[in-house]
Structure formats: C-alpha cells, structure tokens
PDB file of N, CA and C in Angstrom:
ATOM      1  N   MET A   1       0.840  -1.192   0.000  1.00  0.00           N
ATOM      2  CA  MET A   1       0.000   0.000   0.000  1.00  0.00           C
ATOM      3  C   MET A   1       0.880   1.248   0.000  1.00  0.00           C
ATOM      4  N   ALA A   2       0.599   2.165  -0.888  1.00  0.00           N
ATOM      5  CA  ALA A   2       1.372   3.401  -0.992  1.00  0.00           C
ATOM      6  C   ALA A   2       1.058   4.316   0.190  1.00  0.00           C
ATOM      7  N   GLN A   3       2.074   5.031   0.638  1.00  0.00           N
ATOM      8  CA  GLN A   3       1.847   5.971   1.723  1.00  0.00           C
ATOM      9  C   GLN A   3       1.255   7.255   1.185  1.00  0.00           C
ATOM     10  N   GLU A   4       0.517   7.925   2.041  1.00  0.00           N
ATOM     11  CA  GLU A   4      -0.202   9.138   1.677  1.00  0.00           C
ATOM     12  C   GLU A   4       0.550  10.367   2.178  1.00  0.00           C
ATOM     13  N   CYS A   5       0.632  11.385   1.346  1.00  0.00           N
ATOM     14  CA  CYS A   5       1.235  12.659   1.742  1.00  0.00           C
ATOM     15  C   CYS A   5       0.375  13.291   2.836  1.00  0.00           C
ATOM     16  N   ILE A   6       0.998  13.766   3.917  1.00  0.00           N
ATOM     17  CA  ILE A   6       0.220  14.337   5.026  1.00  0.00           C
ATOM     18  C   ILE A   6      -0.323  15.725   4.714  1.00  0.00           C
ATOM     19  N   ILE A   7       0.162  16.363   3.646  1.00  0.00           N
ATOM     20  CA  ILE A   7      -0.302  17.707   3.306  1.00  0.00           C
ATOM     21  C   ILE A   7      -1.426  17.666   2.278  1.00  0.00           C
ATOM     22  N   CYS A   8      -1.161  17.050   1.127  1.00  0.00           N
ATOM     23  CA  CYS A   8      -2.152  17.071   0.046  1.00  0.00           C
ATOM     24  C   CYS A   8      -2.951  15.766  -0.042  1.00  0.00           C
ATOM     25  N   GLU A   9      -2.601  14.781   0.765  1.00  0.00           N
ATOM     26  CA  GLU A   9      -3.259  13.472   0.811  1.00  0.00           C
ATOM     27  C   GLU A   9      -3.155  12.708  -0.501  1.00  0.00           C
ATOM     28  N   ASN A  10      -2.132  13.017  -1.282  1.00  0.00           N
ATOM     29  CA  ASN A  10      -1.817  12.276  -2.499  1.00  0.00           C
ATOM     30  C   ASN A  10      -1.271  10.910  -2.084  1.00  0.00           C
ATOM     31  N   ASN A  11      -1.658   9.856  -2.758  1.00  0.00           N
ATOM     32  CA  ASN A  11      -1.196   8.510  -2.418  1.00  0.00           C
ATOM     33  C   ASN A  11       0.191   8.203  -2.953  1.00  0.00           C
ATOM     34  N   ASN A  12       0.949   9.208  -3.264  1.00  0.00           N
ATOM     35  CA  ASN A  12       2.238   9.019  -3.896  1.00  0.00           C
ATOM     36  C   ASN A  12       3.360   9.638  -3.067  1.00  0.00           C
ATOM     37  N   ALA A  13       3.368   9.408  -1.770  1.00  0.00           N
ATOM     38  CA  ALA A  13       4.392   9.977  -0.900  1.00  0.00           C
ATOM     39  C   ALA A  13       5.727   9.274  -1.133  1.00  0.00           C
ATOM     40  N   ASN A  14       6.769  10.036  -1.362  1.00  0.00           N
ATOM     41  CA  ASN A  14       8.095   9.490  -1.653  1.00  0.00           C
ATOM     42  C   ASN A  14       9.140   9.838  -0.608  1.00  0.00           C
ATOM     43  N   TYR A  15       8.858  10.766   0.286  1.00  0.00           N
ATOM     44  CA  TYR A  15       9.852  11.268   1.231  1.00  0.00           C
ATOM     45  C   TYR A  15       9.276  11.326   2.640  1.00  0.00           C
ATOM     46  N   CYS A  16      10.164  11.224   3.630  1.00  0.00           N
ATOM     47  CA  CYS A  16       9.746  11.393   5.025  1.00  0.00           C
ATOM     48  C   CYS A  16      10.909  11.973   5.820  1.00  0.00           C
ATOM     49  N   ILE A  17      10.599  12.474   7.000  1.00  0.00           N
ATOM     50  CA  ILE A  17      11.629  12.940   7.917  1.00  0.00           C
ATOM     51  C   ILE A  17      12.301  11.703   8.499  1.00  0.00           C
ATOM     52  N   LYS A  18      13.601  11.680   8.564  1.00  0.00           N
ATOM     53  CA  LYS A  18      14.339  10.504   9.022  1.00  0.00           C
ATOM     54  C   LYS A  18      13.818  10.030  10.376  1.00  0.00           C
ATOM     55  N   GLY A  19      13.468   8.754  10.436  1.00  0.00           N
ATOM     56  CA  GLY A  19      12.979   8.152  11.668  1.00  0.00           C
ATOM     57  C   GLY A  19      11.504   8.391  11.937  1.00  0.00           C
ATOM     58  N   MET A  20      10.830   9.100  11.062  1.00  0.00           N
ATOM     59  CA  MET A  20       9.411   9.420  11.266  1.00  0.00           C
ATOM     60  C   MET A  20       8.635   9.109   9.990  1.00  0.00           C
ATOM     61  N   ASP A  21       8.537   7.831   9.613  1.00  0.00           N
ATOM     62  CA  ASP A  21       7.906   7.489   8.349  1.00  0.00           C
ATOM     63  C   ASP A  21       6.388   7.655   8.354  1.00  0.00           C
ATOM     64  N   ASN A  22       5.791   8.032   9.480  1.00  0.00           N
ATOM     65  CA  ASN A  22       4.363   8.353   9.477  1.00  0.00           C
ATOM     66  C   ASN A  22       4.123   9.798   9.029  1.00  0.00           C
ATOM     67  N   TYR A  23       5.185  10.589   8.877  1.00  0.00           N
ATOM     68  CA  TYR A  23       5.103  11.945   8.331  1.00  0.00           C
ATOM     69  C   TYR A  23       5.704  11.917   6.931  1.00  0.00           C
ATOM     70  N   SER A  24       4.930  11.474   5.960  1.00  0.00           N
ATOM     71  CA  SER A  24       5.445  11.316   4.609  1.00  0.00           C
ATOM     72  C   SER A  24       4.899  12.398   3.686  1.00  0.00           C
ATOM     73  N   TYR A  25       5.699  12.724   2.676  1.00  0.00           N
ATOM     74  CA  TYR A  25       5.402  13.829   1.772  1.00  0.00           C
ATOM     75  C   TYR A  25       5.583  13.392   0.321  1.00  0.00           C
ATOM     76  N   CYS A  26       4.758  13.926  -0.579  1.00  0.00           N
ATOM     77  CA  CYS A  26       5.013  13.760  -2.010  1.00  0.00           C
ATOM     78  C   CYS A  26       6.138  14.734  -2.370  1.00  0.00           C
ATOM     79  N   LYS A  27       6.712  14.579  -3.556  1.00  0.00           N
ATOM     80  CA  LYS A  27       7.853  15.412  -3.935  1.00  0.00           C
ATOM     81  C   LYS A  27       7.488  16.888  -3.962  1.00  0.00           C
ATOM     82  N   GLU A  28       6.322  17.235  -4.487  1.00  0.00           N
ATOM     83  CA  GLU A  28       5.919  18.640  -4.600  1.00  0.00           C
ATOM     84  C   GLU A  28       5.781  19.294  -3.217  1.00  0.00           C
ATOM     85  N   CYS A  29       5.125  18.609  -2.285  1.00  0.00           N
ATOM     86  CA  CYS A  29       4.952  19.173  -0.938  1.00  0.00           C
ATOM     87  C   CYS A  29       6.269  19.204  -0.171  1.00  0.00           C
ATOM     88  N   ALA A  30       7.131  18.199  -0.369  1.00  0.00           N
ATOM     89  CA  ALA A  30       8.442  18.186   0.289  1.00  0.00           C
ATOM     90  C   ALA A  30       9.273  19.374  -0.172  1.00  0.00           C
ATOM     91  N   LEU A  31       9.271  19.646  -1.469  1.00  0.00           N
ATOM     92  CA  LEU A  31      10.015  20.800  -1.977  1.00  0.00           C
ATOM     93  C   LEU A  31       9.440  22.101  -1.455  1.00  0.00           C
ATOM     94  N   GLN A  32       8.129  22.183  -1.372  1.00  0.00           N
ATOM     95  CA  GLN A  32       7.480  23.401  -0.888  1.00  0.00           C
ATOM     96  C   GLN A  32       7.769  23.633   0.597  1.00  0.00           C
ATOM     97  N   GLN A  33       7.781  22.578   1.388  1.00  0.00           N
ATOM     98  CA  GLN A  33       7.974  22.711   2.833  1.00  0.00           C
ATOM     99  C   GLN A  33       9.439  22.827   3.243  1.00  0.00           C
ATOM    100  N   PHE A  34      10.334  22.098   2.562  1.00  0.00           N
ATOM    101  CA  PHE A  34      11.727  21.997   2.996  1.00  0.00           C
ATOM    102  C   PHE A  34      12.738  22.591   2.025  1.00  0.00           C
ATOM    103  N   SER A  35      12.351  22.871   0.809  1.00  0.00           N
ATOM    104  CA  SER A  35      13.197  23.446  -0.237  1.00  0.00           C
ATOM    105  C   SER A  35      14.320  22.524  -0.716  1.00  0.00           C
ATOM    106  N   ASP A  36      14.622  21.465   0.014  1.00  0.00           N
ATOM    107  CA  ASP A  36      15.720  20.574  -0.370  1.00  0.00           C
ATOM    108  C   ASP A  36      15.365  19.148   0.043  1.00  0.00           C
ATOM    109  N   VAL A  37      15.011  18.310  -0.914  1.00  0.00           N
ATOM    110  CA  VAL A  37      14.612  16.938  -0.579  1.00  0.00           C
ATOM    111  C   VAL A  37      15.798  16.052  -0.222  1.00  0.00           C
ATOM    112  N   SER A  38      17.033  16.517  -0.459  1.00  0.00           N
ATOM    113  CA  SER A  38      18.185  15.703  -0.102  1.00  0.00           C
ATOM    114  C   SER A  38      18.323  15.557   1.425  1.00  0.00           C
ATOM    115  N   LEU A  39      17.662  16.405   2.165  1.00  0.00           N
ATOM    116  CA  LEU A  39      17.694  16.314   3.628  1.00  0.00           C
ATOM    117  C   LEU A  39      16.676  15.317   4.169  1.00  0.00           C
ATOM    118  N   LEU A  40      15.791  14.827   3.303  1.00  0.00           N
ATOM    119  CA  LEU A  40      14.746  13.884   3.713  1.00  0.00           C
ATOM    120  C   LEU A  40      15.115  12.460   3.326  1.00  0.00           C
ATOM    121  N   GLN A  41      14.519  11.508   4.020  1.00  0.00           N
ATOM    122  CA  GLN A  41      14.731  10.104   3.721  1.00  0.00           C
ATOM    123  C   GLN A  41      13.748   9.665   2.644  1.00  0.00           C
ATOM    124  N   ARG A  42      14.236   8.943   1.649  1.00  0.00           N
ATOM    125  CA  ARG A  42      13.383   8.453   0.574  1.00  0.00           C
ATOM    126  C   ARG A  42      12.691   7.166   1.013  1.00  0.00           C
ATOM    127  N   LEU A  43      11.417   7.056   0.676  1.00  0.00           N
ATOM    128  CA  LEU A  43      10.649   5.850   1.038  1.00  0.00           C
ATOM    129  C   LEU A  43      10.809   4.772   0.001  1.00  0.00           C
TER     130      LEU A  43
END
C-alpha cells in the first residue's frame, strides 16, 4: 500500500523525515515545505 502525503493526501508519498515514516510527503509538498529533498529520507 502506498503511503499518503500528510499535506495534500496524495497517495504518492516518496519522502519522510528521518525516523518518522508516518510523516510522509510527495515530492511537490516536500520541496514546498523543505526546499531541499536531499535532507529527507526516501521511502
């Protein structure tokens, strides 16, 4: 089952904060919130 982005609820979440995989983000929301996805853990 694909994880859901916590912001837009898109079923295509690809990133999360390291150690917190229940806070997952799609690429668009991760870029908008953090500006740099290299700091996030890829799912």
